[in-house]
PDB file of N, CA and C in Angstrom:
ATOM      1  N   MET A   1     139.383 -26.301 -39.311  1.00  0.00           N
ATOM      2  CA  MET A   1     138.324 -26.914 -38.544  1.00  0.00           C
ATOM      3  C   MET A   1     138.820 -27.053 -37.106  1.00  0.00           C
ATOM      4  N   ILE A   2     137.933 -26.804 -36.162  1.00  0.00           N
ATOM      5  CA  ILE A   2     138.253 -26.967 -34.747  1.00  0.00           C
ATOM      6  C   ILE A   2     137.230 -27.914 -34.140  1.00  0.00           C
ATOM      7  N   SER A   3     137.735 -29.022 -33.611  1.00  0.00           N
ATOM      8  CA  SER A   3     136.874 -30.077 -33.050  1.00  0.00           C
ATOM      9  C   SER A   3     137.334 -30.434 -31.639  1.00  0.00           C
ATOM     10  N   PRO A   4     136.755 -29.815 -30.614  1.00  0.00           N
ATOM     11  CA  PRO A   4     137.165 -30.156 -29.255  1.00  0.00           C
ATOM     12  C   PRO A   4     136.865 -31.619 -28.939  1.00  0.00           C
ATOM     13  N   TYR A   5     137.760 -32.233 -28.108  1.00  0.00           N
ATOM     14  CA  TYR A   5     137.581 -33.646 -27.763  1.00  0.00           C
ATOM     15  C   TYR A   5     137.648 -33.816 -26.260  1.00  0.00           C
ATOM     16  N   PRO A   6     136.708 -34.462 -25.623  1.00  0.00           N
ATOM     17  CA  PRO A   6     135.485 -34.961 -26.224  1.00  0.00           C
ATOM     18  C   PRO A   6     134.501 -33.835 -26.506  1.00  0.00           C
ATOM     19  N   PRO A   7     133.604 -33.960 -27.387  1.00  0.00           N
ATOM     20  CA  PRO A   7     133.083 -35.109 -28.101  1.00  0.00           C
ATOM     21  C   PRO A   7     133.718 -35.346 -29.459  1.00  0.00           C
ATOM     22  N   GLY A   8     134.525 -34.397 -29.979  1.00  0.00           N
ATOM     23  CA  GLY A   8     135.146 -34.600 -31.283  1.00  0.00           C
ATOM     24  C   GLY A   8     134.303 -34.122 -32.448  1.00  0.00           C
ATOM     25  N   VAL A   9     133.257 -33.387 -32.160  1.00  0.00           N
ATOM     26  CA  VAL A   9     132.375 -32.846 -33.202  1.00  0.00           C
ATOM     27  C   VAL A   9     132.880 -31.448 -33.572  1.00  0.00           C
ATOM     28  N   PRO A  10     133.037 -31.141 -34.869  1.00  0.00           N
ATOM     29  CA  PRO A  10     133.536 -29.820 -35.264  1.00  0.00           C
ATOM     30  C   PRO A  10     132.635 -28.688 -34.750  1.00  0.00           C
ATOM     31  N   VAL A  11     133.283 -27.674 -34.184  1.00  0.00           N
ATOM     32  CA  VAL A  11     132.577 -26.479 -33.722  1.00  0.00           C
ATOM     33  C   VAL A  11     132.781 -25.352 -34.734  1.00  0.00           C
ATOM     34  N   VAL A  12     133.947 -25.338 -35.361  1.00  0.00           N
ATOM     35  CA  VAL A  12     134.257 -24.347 -36.385  1.00  0.00           C
ATOM     36  C   VAL A  12     134.667 -25.100 -37.650  1.00  0.00           C
ATOM     37  N   ALA A  13     134.017 -24.759 -38.751  1.00  0.00           N
ATOM     38  CA  ALA A  13     134.310 -25.381 -40.041  1.00  0.00           C
ATOM     39  C   ALA A  13     134.908 -24.339 -40.981  1.00  0.00           C
ATOM     40  N   PRO A  14     135.659 -24.768 -41.984  1.00  0.00           N
ATOM     41  CA  PRO A  14     136.221 -23.817 -42.947  1.00  0.00           C
ATOM     42  C   PRO A  14     135.135 -22.927 -43.564  1.00  0.00           C
ATOM     43  N   GLY A  15     135.426 -21.641 -43.626  1.00  0.00           N
ATOM     44  CA  GLY A  15     134.494 -20.689 -44.208  1.00  0.00           C
ATOM     45  C   GLY A  15     133.510 -20.091 -43.223  1.00  0.00           C
ATOM     46  N   GLU A  16     133.496 -20.624 -42.010  1.00  0.00           N
ATOM     47  CA  GLU A  16     132.541 -20.157 -41.001  1.00  0.00           C
ATOM     48  C   GLU A  16     133.040 -18.884 -40.333  1.00  0.00           C
ATOM     49  N   VAL A  17     132.129 -17.997 -39.985  1.00  0.00           N
ATOM     50  CA  VAL A  17     132.451 -16.800 -39.212  1.00  0.00           C
ATOM     51  C   VAL A  17     132.550 -17.218 -37.752  1.00  0.00           C
ATOM     52  N   VAL A  18     133.673 -16.885 -37.113  1.00  0.00           N
ATOM     53  CA  VAL A  18     133.889 -17.254 -35.716  1.00  0.00           C
ATOM     54  C   VAL A  18     133.320 -16.146 -34.839  1.00  0.00           C
ATOM     55  N   THR A  19     132.305 -16.484 -34.053  1.00  0.00           N
ATOM     56  CA  THR A  19     131.627 -15.494 -33.204  1.00  0.00           C
ATOM     57  C   THR A  19     132.213 -15.504 -31.795  1.00  0.00           C
ATOM     58  N   ASP A  20     131.865 -14.472 -31.032  1.00  0.00           N
ATOM     59  CA  ASP A  20     132.291 -14.406 -29.629  1.00  0.00           C
ATOM     60  C   ASP A  20     131.761 -15.608 -28.846  1.00  0.00           C
ATOM     61  N   GLU A  21     130.543 -16.044 -29.152  1.00  0.00           N
ATOM     62  CA  GLU A  21     129.956 -17.185 -28.444  1.00  0.00           C
ATOM     63  C   GLU A  21     130.745 -18.466 -28.694  1.00  0.00           C
ATOM     64  N   VAL A  22     131.174 -18.658 -29.922  1.00  0.00           N
ATOM     65  CA  VAL A  22     131.973 -19.844 -30.261  1.00  0.00           C
ATOM     66  C   VAL A  22     133.312 -19.783 -29.529  1.00  0.00           C
ATOM     67  N   LEU A  23     133.952 -18.616 -29.532  1.00  0.00           N
ATOM     68  CA  LEU A  23     135.222 -18.479 -28.824  1.00  0.00           C
ATOM     69  C   LEU A  23     135.057 -18.712 -27.329  1.00  0.00           C
ATOM     70  N   ASP A  24     134.001 -18.185 -26.743  1.00  0.00           N
ATOM     71  CA  ASP A  24     133.742 -18.399 -25.309  1.00  0.00           C
ATOM     72  C   ASP A  24     133.585 -19.884 -25.009  1.00  0.00           C
ATOM     73  N   TYR A  25     132.850 -20.602 -25.857  1.00  0.00           N
ATOM     74  CA  TYR A  25     132.638 -22.033 -25.680  1.00  0.00           C
ATOM     75  C   TYR A  25     133.959 -22.791 -25.752  1.00  0.00           C
ATOM     76  N   LEU A  26     134.749 -22.508 -26.781  1.00  0.00           N
ATOM     77  CA  LEU A  26     136.023 -23.200 -26.952  1.00  0.00           C
ATOM     78  C   LEU A  26     136.995 -22.887 -25.826  1.00  0.00           C
ATOM     79  N   ARG A  27     137.087 -21.628 -25.443  1.00  0.00           N
ATOM     80  CA  ARG A  27     138.013 -21.225 -24.377  1.00  0.00           C
ATOM     81  C   ARG A  27     137.603 -21.803 -23.040  1.00  0.00           C
ATOM     82  N   SER A  28     136.314 -21.828 -22.770  1.00  0.00           N
ATOM     83  CA  SER A  28     135.822 -22.424 -21.525  1.00  0.00           C
ATOM     84  C   SER A  28     136.180 -23.907 -21.477  1.00  0.00           C
ATOM     85  N   GLY A  29     135.977 -24.594 -22.588  1.00  0.00           N
ATOM     86  CA  GLY A  29     136.329 -26.009 -22.638  1.00  0.00           C
ATOM     87  C   GLY A  29     137.811 -26.222 -22.409  1.00  0.00           C
ATOM     88  N   ALA A  30     138.654 -25.422 -23.064  1.00  0.00           N
ATOM     89  CA  ALA A  30     140.105 -25.544 -22.907  1.00  0.00           C
ATOM     90  C   ALA A  30     140.514 -25.320 -21.457  1.00  0.00           C
ATOM     91  N   GLU A  31     139.885 -24.351 -20.795  1.00  0.00           N
ATOM     92  CA  GLU A  31     140.194 -24.073 -19.388  1.00  0.00           C
ATOM     93  C   GLU A  31     139.792 -25.220 -18.465  1.00  0.00           C
ATOM     94  N   HIS A  32     138.839 -26.033 -18.909  1.00  0.00           N
ATOM     95  CA  HIS A  32     138.359 -27.153 -18.096  1.00  0.00           C
ATOM     96  C   HIS A  32     138.913 -28.501 -18.555  1.00  0.00           C
ATOM     97  N   GLY A  33     139.977 -28.474 -19.360  1.00  0.00           N
ATOM     98  CA  GLY A  33     140.664 -29.696 -19.722  1.00  0.00           C
ATOM     99  C   GLY A  33     140.236 -30.374 -21.004  1.00  0.00           C
ATOM    100  N   VAL A  34     139.325 -29.760 -21.764  1.00  0.00           N
ATOM    101  CA  VAL A  34     138.935 -30.331 -23.057  1.00  0.00           C
ATOM    102  C   VAL A  34     140.100 -30.137 -24.023  1.00  0.00           C
ATOM    103  N   LEU A  35     140.426 -31.155 -24.780  1.00  0.00           N
ATOM    104  CA  LEU A  35     141.502 -31.055 -25.765  1.00  0.00           C
ATOM    105  C   LEU A  35     141.002 -30.355 -27.019  1.00  0.00           C
ATOM    106  N   ILE A  36     141.805 -29.445 -27.539  1.00  0.00           N
ATOM    107  CA  ILE A  36     141.474 -28.729 -28.772  1.00  0.00           C
ATOM    108  C   ILE A  36     142.610 -29.024 -29.760  1.00  0.00           C
ATOM    109  N   PRO A  37     142.653 -30.249 -30.308  1.00  0.00           N
ATOM    110  CA  PRO A  37     143.810 -30.665 -31.100  1.00  0.00           C
ATOM    111  C   PRO A  37     143.923 -30.012 -32.474  1.00  0.00           C
ATOM    112  N   ASP A  38     142.845 -29.506 -33.035  1.00  0.00           N
ATOM    113  CA  ASP A  38     142.874 -28.975 -34.399  1.00  0.00           C
ATOM    114  C   ASP A  38     143.339 -27.525 -34.482  1.00  0.00           C
ATOM    115  N   ALA A  39     143.283 -26.796 -33.382  1.00  0.00           N
ATOM    116  CA  ALA A  39     143.639 -25.378 -33.394  1.00  0.00           C
ATOM    117  C   ALA A  39     145.158 -25.216 -33.346  1.00  0.00           C
ATOM    118  N   ALA A  40     145.673 -24.183 -34.007  1.00  0.00           N
ATOM    119  CA  ALA A  40     147.102 -23.889 -33.953  1.00  0.00           C
ATOM    120  C   ALA A  40     147.517 -23.549 -32.521  1.00  0.00           C
ATOM    121  N   ASP A  41     146.618 -22.924 -31.765  1.00  0.00           N
ATOM    122  CA  ASP A  41     146.836 -22.586 -30.359  1.00  0.00           C
ATOM    123  C   ASP A  41     145.780 -23.333 -29.558  1.00  0.00           C
ATOM    124  N   SER A  42     146.160 -24.392 -28.867  1.00  0.00           N
ATOM    125  CA  SER A  42     145.182 -25.246 -28.175  1.00  0.00           C
ATOM    126  C   SER A  42     144.485 -24.565 -27.007  1.00  0.00           C
ATOM    127  N   SER A  43     144.975 -23.392 -26.572  1.00  0.00           N
ATOM    128  CA  SER A  43     144.267 -22.631 -25.530  1.00  0.00           C
ATOM    129  C   SER A  43     143.182 -21.761 -26.156  1.00  0.00           C
ATOM    130  N   VAL A  44     143.199 -21.623 -27.465  1.00  0.00           N
ATOM    131  CA  VAL A  44     142.266 -20.816 -28.261  1.00  0.00           C
ATOM    132  C   VAL A  44     142.329 -19.342 -27.854  1.00  0.00           C
ATOM    133  N   ARG A  45     143.499 -18.902 -27.387  1.00  0.00           N
ATOM    134  CA  ARG A  45     143.690 -17.472 -27.095  1.00  0.00           C
ATOM    135  C   ARG A  45     143.942 -16.708 -28.392  1.00  0.00           C
ATOM    136  N   THR A  46     144.528 -17.392 -29.366  1.00  0.00           N
ATOM    137  CA  THR A  46     144.731 -16.796 -30.685  1.00  0.00           C
ATOM    138  C   THR A  46     144.231 -17.790 -31.727  1.00  0.00           C
ATOM    139  N   LEU A  47     143.817 -17.285 -32.866  1.00  0.00           N
ATOM    140  CA  LEU A  47     143.369 -18.122 -33.974  1.00  0.00           C
ATOM    141  C   LEU A  47     144.178 -17.776 -35.213  1.00  0.00           C
ATOM    142  N   ARG A  48     144.436 -18.780 -36.012  1.00  0.00           N
ATOM    143  CA  ARG A  48     145.066 -18.560 -37.314  1.00  0.00           C
ATOM    144  C   ARG A  48     143.934 -18.584 -38.333  1.00  0.00           C
ATOM    145  N   VAL A  49     143.752 -17.490 -39.032  1.00  0.00           N
ATOM    146  CA  VAL A  49     142.663 -17.412 -40.009  1.00  0.00           C
ATOM    147  C   VAL A  49     143.237 -17.036 -41.368  1.00  0.00           C
ATOM    148  N   VAL A  50     142.502 -17.402 -42.400  1.00  0.00           N
ATOM    149  CA  VAL A  50     142.857 -17.038 -43.757  1.00  0.00           C
ATOM    150  C   VAL A  50     141.735 -16.160 -44.275  1.00  0.00           C
ATOM    151  N   ALA A  51     142.070 -14.960 -44.681  1.00  0.00           N
ATOM    152  CA  ALA A  51     141.065 -14.027 -45.201  1.00  0.00           C
ATOM    153  C   ALA A  51     141.033 -14.100 -46.708  1.00  0.00           C
ATOM    154  N   LYS A  52     139.842 -14.014 -47.245  1.00  0.00           N
ATOM    155  CA  LYS A  52     139.682 -13.956 -48.690  1.00  0.00           C
ATOM    156  C   LYS A  52     140.105 -12.582 -49.170  1.00  0.00           C
ATOM    157  N   ALA A  53     140.904 -12.544 -50.211  1.00  0.00           N
ATOM    158  CA  ALA A  53     141.383 -11.261 -50.731  1.00  0.00           C
ATOM    159  C   ALA A  53     140.346 -10.615 -51.620  1.00  0.00           C
TER     160      ALA A  53
END
């Protein structure tokens, strides 16, 4: 789950497909000082994902 703060509302939930629009939103926020505490990479340049086998 990825919940930028503020506001702290999840943008990405487990099982969700991460789209270019979601990545653009998260990266823009990170560039403007929004905290992304749930992501393995708080700049959201890389994502850690688990693929279903």
